[in-house]
């Protein structure tokens, strides 16, 4: 099949170039993934900021603050249950919650 040394050299070089090309594409793809991760982190920061100032989440923030205050008290409180029920009601109605990502379709 491979009678001459030239054929062996050409095929060996082609295989070597194929692996080198795959390695190069892999390193470039890692860079792209790093950049996309940075963009997604920035979008998450934007989401948190916009959700902090949006008045539609005032009820969730109020219930969360009541829950956090109840953690310091030794008596029994149902503030966590209230927070959970509020979030479930909002999800059932198709509304966004403080934890809803931008990419989630409602």
N, C-alpha and C. Protein backbone atom coordinates (compact mmCIF):
# COMPACT_ATOMS: atom_id res chain seq x y z
N UNK A 1 0.83 -1.19 0.00
CA UNK A 1 0.00 0.00 0.00
C UNK A 1 0.87 1.25 0.00
N UNK A 2 1.82 1.33 0.93
CA UNK A 2 2.74 2.47 0.98
C UNK A 2 4.11 1.98 0.52
N UNK A 3 4.37 2.09 -0.77
CA UNK A 3 5.62 1.57 -1.29
C UNK A 3 6.77 2.53 -1.09
N UNK A 4 6.54 3.82 -1.28
CA UNK A 4 7.65 4.76 -1.22
C UNK A 4 7.65 5.52 0.11
N UNK A 5 8.81 6.03 0.42
CA UNK A 5 8.93 6.80 1.66
C UNK A 5 8.23 8.15 1.55
N UNK A 6 8.05 8.63 0.35
CA UNK A 6 7.35 9.91 0.15
C UNK A 6 5.88 9.77 0.56
N UNK A 7 5.27 8.67 0.16
CA UNK A 7 3.87 8.44 0.54
C UNK A 7 3.73 8.35 2.05
N UNK A 8 4.65 7.65 2.70
CA UNK A 8 4.61 7.54 4.15
C UNK A 8 4.79 8.91 4.80
N UNK A 9 5.68 9.72 4.25
CA UNK A 9 5.93 11.06 4.80
C UNK A 9 4.71 11.95 4.63
N UNK A 10 4.08 11.89 3.46
CA UNK A 10 2.90 12.72 3.20
C UNK A 10 1.75 12.32 4.12
N UNK A 11 1.53 11.05 4.27
CA UNK A 11 0.44 10.58 5.14
C UNK A 11 0.74 10.89 6.60
N UNK A 12 1.98 10.71 7.01
CA UNK A 12 2.36 11.06 8.39
C UNK A 12 2.21 12.54 8.66
N UNK A 13 2.60 13.37 7.68
CA UNK A 13 2.45 14.82 7.83
C UNK A 13 0.97 15.21 7.88
N UNK A 14 0.15 14.55 7.07
CA UNK A 14 -1.28 14.85 7.06
C UNK A 14 -1.91 14.50 8.41
N UNK A 15 -1.52 13.37 8.97
CA UNK A 15 -2.05 12.98 10.28
C UNK A 15 -1.57 13.94 11.35
N UNK A 16 -0.29 14.31 11.29
CA UNK A 16 0.25 15.27 12.25
C UNK A 16 -0.46 16.62 12.14
N UNK A 17 -0.68 17.09 10.93
CA UNK A 17 -1.40 18.36 10.74
C UNK A 17 -2.85 18.26 11.21
N UNK A 18 -3.46 17.09 11.04
CA UNK A 18 -4.83 16.91 11.49
C UNK A 18 -4.91 17.05 13.01
N UNK A 19 -3.98 16.42 13.72
CA UNK A 19 -3.96 16.53 15.19
C UNK A 19 -3.61 17.94 15.63
N UNK A 20 -2.67 18.58 14.94
CA UNK A 20 -2.30 19.96 15.28
C UNK A 20 -3.48 20.90 15.07
N UNK A 21 -4.22 20.69 14.00
CA UNK A 21 -5.39 21.53 13.73
C UNK A 21 -6.45 21.33 14.80
N UNK A 22 -6.66 20.09 15.21
CA UNK A 22 -7.62 19.81 16.28
C UNK A 22 -7.20 20.46 17.59
N UNK A 23 -5.92 20.40 17.91
CA UNK A 23 -5.41 21.04 19.12
C UNK A 23 -5.62 22.55 19.06
N UNK A 24 -5.32 23.16 17.90
CA UNK A 24 -5.50 24.60 17.74
C UNK A 24 -6.97 25.00 17.90
N UNK A 25 -7.85 24.26 17.26
CA UNK A 25 -9.29 24.57 17.38
C UNK A 25 -9.77 24.40 18.82
N UNK A 26 -9.24 23.42 19.52
CA UNK A 26 -9.62 23.20 20.91
C UNK A 26 -9.20 24.38 21.79
N UNK A 27 -7.99 24.90 21.58
CA UNK A 27 -7.55 26.06 22.37
C UNK A 27 -8.39 27.29 22.04
N UNK A 28 -8.74 27.47 20.79
CA UNK A 28 -9.58 28.62 20.41
C UNK A 28 -10.98 28.47 21.02
N UNK A 29 -11.49 27.27 21.03
CA UNK A 29 -12.81 27.01 21.60
C UNK A 29 -12.81 27.27 23.10
N UNK A 30 -11.72 26.94 23.78
CA UNK A 30 -11.62 27.24 25.21
C UNK A 30 -11.67 28.75 25.45
N UNK A 31 -11.02 29.52 24.59
CA UNK A 31 -11.08 30.98 24.71
C UNK A 31 -12.50 31.50 24.51
N UNK A 32 -13.18 30.95 23.52
CA UNK A 32 -14.57 31.37 23.27
C UNK A 32 -15.44 31.05 24.47
N UNK A 33 -15.26 29.87 25.06
CA UNK A 33 -16.04 29.51 26.24
C UNK A 33 -15.76 30.44 27.41
N UNK A 34 -14.51 30.83 27.59
CA UNK A 34 -14.17 31.75 28.67
C UNK A 34 -14.84 33.11 28.46
N UNK A 35 -14.85 33.59 27.23
CA UNK A 35 -15.50 34.86 26.94
C UNK A 35 -17.01 34.77 27.14
N UNK A 36 -17.60 33.68 26.70
CA UNK A 36 -19.05 33.51 26.89
C UNK A 36 -19.41 33.40 28.37
N UNK A 37 -18.57 32.73 29.15
CA UNK A 37 -18.82 32.65 30.59
C UNK A 37 -18.77 34.03 31.22
N UNK A 38 -17.83 34.87 30.79
CA UNK A 38 -17.75 36.24 31.31
C UNK A 38 -18.99 37.04 30.94
N UNK A 39 -19.47 36.87 29.72
CA UNK A 39 -20.68 37.58 29.29
C UNK A 39 -21.89 37.13 30.11
N UNK A 40 -22.01 35.83 30.32
CA UNK A 40 -23.14 35.32 31.09
C UNK A 40 -23.09 35.79 32.54
N UNK A 41 -21.88 35.86 33.12
CA UNK A 41 -21.76 36.38 34.48
C UNK A 41 -22.19 37.83 34.54
N UNK A 42 -21.84 38.61 33.52
CA UNK A 42 -22.25 40.01 33.49
C UNK A 42 -23.76 40.14 33.33
N UNK A 43 -24.36 39.27 32.53
CA UNK A 43 -25.81 39.30 32.40
C UNK A 43 -26.49 38.93 33.71
N UNK A 44 -25.89 38.01 34.45
CA UNK A 44 -26.46 37.65 35.74
C UNK A 44 -26.37 38.83 36.70
N UNK A 45 -25.27 39.56 36.67
CA UNK A 45 -25.15 40.76 37.49
C UNK A 45 -26.17 41.81 37.09
N UNK A 46 -26.39 41.97 35.80
CA UNK A 46 -27.40 42.92 35.32
C UNK A 46 -28.79 42.49 35.78
N UNK A 47 -29.06 41.19 35.70
CA UNK A 47 -30.36 40.68 36.15
C UNK A 47 -30.58 40.99 37.62
N UNK A 48 -29.55 40.74 38.43
CA UNK A 48 -29.69 41.01 39.86
C UNK A 48 -29.93 42.49 40.12
N UNK A 49 -29.22 43.35 39.40
CA UNK A 49 -29.40 44.79 39.59
C UNK A 49 -30.81 45.22 39.17
N UNK A 50 -31.25 44.78 38.01
CA UNK A 50 -32.56 45.18 37.53
C UNK A 50 -33.67 44.64 38.43
N UNK A 51 -33.50 43.42 38.94
CA UNK A 51 -34.50 42.86 39.83
C UNK A 51 -34.50 43.56 41.18
N UNK A 52 -33.35 44.12 41.59
CA UNK A 52 -33.29 44.85 42.86
C UNK A 52 -34.12 46.13 42.81
N UNK A 53 -34.16 46.79 41.66
CA UNK A 53 -34.85 48.07 41.58
C UNK A 53 -36.26 47.95 41.03
N UNK A 54 -36.67 46.77 40.60
CA UNK A 54 -37.98 46.58 40.00
C UNK A 54 -39.04 46.44 41.10
N UNK A 55 -40.09 47.27 41.08
CA UNK A 55 -41.09 47.21 42.15
C UNK A 55 -41.96 45.95 42.14
N UNK A 56 -41.97 45.18 41.05
CA UNK A 56 -42.80 43.97 41.04
C UNK A 56 -42.27 42.91 42.00
N UNK A 57 -41.05 43.08 42.49
CA UNK A 57 -40.46 42.12 43.41
C UNK A 57 -40.47 42.62 44.85
N UNK A 58 -41.16 43.72 45.12
CA UNK A 58 -41.21 44.25 46.48
C UNK A 58 -41.80 43.24 47.46
N UNK A 59 -42.84 42.52 47.02
CA UNK A 59 -43.46 41.54 47.91
C UNK A 59 -42.49 40.43 48.29
N UNK A 60 -41.69 39.97 47.34
CA UNK A 60 -40.71 38.93 47.64
C UNK A 60 -39.62 39.44 48.58
N UNK A 61 -39.17 40.66 48.34
CA UNK A 61 -38.14 41.22 49.22
C UNK A 61 -38.68 41.40 50.64
N UNK A 62 -39.94 41.80 50.76
CA UNK A 62 -40.55 41.99 52.09
C UNK A 62 -40.65 40.65 52.82
N UNK A 63 -41.12 39.62 52.12
CA UNK A 63 -41.26 38.30 52.75
C UNK A 63 -39.88 37.75 53.11
N UNK A 64 -38.87 37.99 52.25
CA UNK A 64 -37.52 37.51 52.55
C UNK A 64 -36.94 38.22 53.77
N UNK A 65 -37.20 39.51 53.91
CA UNK A 65 -36.69 40.23 55.09
C UNK A 65 -37.38 39.74 56.36
N UNK A 66 -38.67 39.42 56.29
CA UNK A 66 -39.38 38.87 57.45
C UNK A 66 -38.78 37.51 57.82
N UNK A 67 -38.49 36.71 56.80
CA UNK A 67 -37.90 35.40 57.05
C UNK A 67 -36.53 35.52 57.71
N UNK A 68 -35.70 36.43 57.19
CA UNK A 68 -34.37 36.62 57.78
C UNK A 68 -34.46 37.12 59.22
N UNK A 69 -35.44 37.99 59.50
CA UNK A 69 -35.61 38.48 60.86
C UNK A 69 -36.08 37.37 61.79
N UNK A 70 -36.87 36.43 61.26
CA UNK A 70 -37.38 35.35 62.09
C UNK A 70 -36.30 34.33 62.46
N UNK A 71 -35.21 34.32 61.72
CA UNK A 71 -34.14 33.37 62.03
C UNK A 71 -33.44 33.72 63.33
N UNK A 72 -33.46 34.98 63.71
CA UNK A 72 -32.80 35.41 64.94
C UNK A 72 -33.64 35.14 66.18
N UNK A 73 -34.92 34.88 65.99
CA UNK A 73 -35.82 34.67 67.12
C UNK A 73 -35.92 33.18 67.45
N UNK A 74 -36.03 32.84 68.72
CA UNK A 74 -36.10 31.42 69.09
C UNK A 74 -37.48 30.81 68.86
N UNK A 75 -38.52 31.61 68.69
CA UNK A 75 -39.86 31.03 68.56
C UNK A 75 -40.10 30.52 67.14
N UNK A 76 -41.19 29.77 66.96
CA UNK A 76 -41.52 29.16 65.68
C UNK A 76 -42.14 30.21 64.76
N UNK A 77 -41.70 30.21 63.51
CA UNK A 77 -42.22 31.15 62.53
C UNK A 77 -42.50 30.43 61.22
N UNK A 78 -43.52 30.88 60.53
CA UNK A 78 -43.88 30.31 59.23
C UNK A 78 -43.49 31.24 58.09
N UNK A 79 -42.51 32.11 58.33
CA UNK A 79 -42.09 33.07 57.31
C UNK A 79 -41.46 32.36 56.11
N UNK A 80 -40.74 31.28 56.33
CA UNK A 80 -40.17 30.53 55.22
C UNK A 80 -41.23 29.90 54.34
N UNK A 81 -42.28 29.39 54.97
CA UNK A 81 -43.39 28.82 54.23
C UNK A 81 -44.10 29.90 53.42
N UNK A 82 -44.26 31.07 54.00
CA UNK A 82 -44.90 32.17 53.27
C UNK A 82 -44.07 32.57 52.05
N UNK A 83 -42.76 32.60 52.21
CA UNK A 83 -41.89 32.95 51.09
C UNK A 83 -41.99 31.90 49.98
N UNK A 84 -42.00 30.65 50.36
CA UNK A 84 -42.10 29.57 49.39
C UNK A 84 -43.44 29.61 48.65
N UNK A 85 -44.52 29.83 49.39
CA UNK A 85 -45.85 29.89 48.77
C UNK A 85 -45.96 31.08 47.82
N UNK A 86 -45.39 32.21 48.20
CA UNK A 86 -45.43 33.38 47.32
C UNK A 86 -44.69 33.09 46.02
N UNK A 87 -43.54 32.47 46.12
CA UNK A 87 -42.78 32.14 44.91
C UNK A 87 -43.54 31.13 44.04
N UNK A 88 -44.18 30.15 44.66
CA UNK A 88 -44.95 29.17 43.89
C UNK A 88 -46.15 29.82 43.21
N UNK A 89 -46.83 30.74 43.90
CA UNK A 89 -47.96 31.43 43.28
C UNK A 89 -47.51 32.26 42.07
N UNK A 90 -46.39 32.93 42.21
CA UNK A 90 -45.88 33.74 41.10
C UNK A 90 -45.52 32.86 39.91
N UNK A 91 -44.89 31.74 40.18
CA UNK A 91 -44.53 30.83 39.07
C UNK A 91 -45.77 30.26 38.40
N UNK A 92 -46.80 29.93 39.18
CA UNK A 92 -48.03 29.39 38.60
C UNK A 92 -48.73 30.43 37.73
N UNK A 93 -48.63 31.70 38.10
CA UNK A 93 -49.23 32.78 37.31
C UNK A 93 -48.36 33.19 36.13
N UNK A 94 -47.17 32.63 36.04
CA UNK A 94 -46.28 32.96 34.93
C UNK A 94 -45.49 34.23 35.15
N UNK A 95 -45.37 34.67 36.39
CA UNK A 95 -44.61 35.87 36.70
C UNK A 95 -43.18 35.50 37.04
N UNK A 96 -42.31 36.47 36.88
CA UNK A 96 -40.91 36.28 37.24
C UNK A 96 -40.75 36.40 38.75
N UNK A 97 -39.74 35.68 39.25
CA UNK A 97 -39.37 35.80 40.65
C UNK A 97 -37.95 36.35 40.71
N UNK A 98 -37.47 36.60 41.91
CA UNK A 98 -36.12 37.13 42.05
C UNK A 98 -35.06 36.16 41.54
N UNK A 99 -35.37 34.89 41.48
CA UNK A 99 -34.41 33.89 41.03
C UNK A 99 -34.58 33.47 39.57
N UNK A 100 -35.50 34.07 38.85
CA UNK A 100 -35.76 33.70 37.46
C UNK A 100 -34.67 34.27 36.57
N UNK A 101 -33.97 33.43 35.81
CA UNK A 101 -32.95 33.94 34.89
C UNK A 101 -33.59 34.61 33.68
N UNK A 102 -32.82 35.46 33.00
CA UNK A 102 -33.31 36.13 31.80
C UNK A 102 -33.67 35.13 30.71
N UNK A 103 -32.94 34.06 30.63
CA UNK A 103 -33.10 33.12 29.54
C UNK A 103 -34.32 32.21 29.70
N UNK A 104 -34.90 32.18 30.87
CA UNK A 104 -36.05 31.29 31.09
C UNK A 104 -37.30 31.92 30.49
N UNK A 105 -37.95 31.17 29.63
CA UNK A 105 -39.18 31.67 29.02
C UNK A 105 -40.36 31.35 29.94
N UNK A 106 -41.25 32.28 30.02
CA UNK A 106 -42.41 32.10 30.92
C UNK A 106 -43.64 31.75 30.14
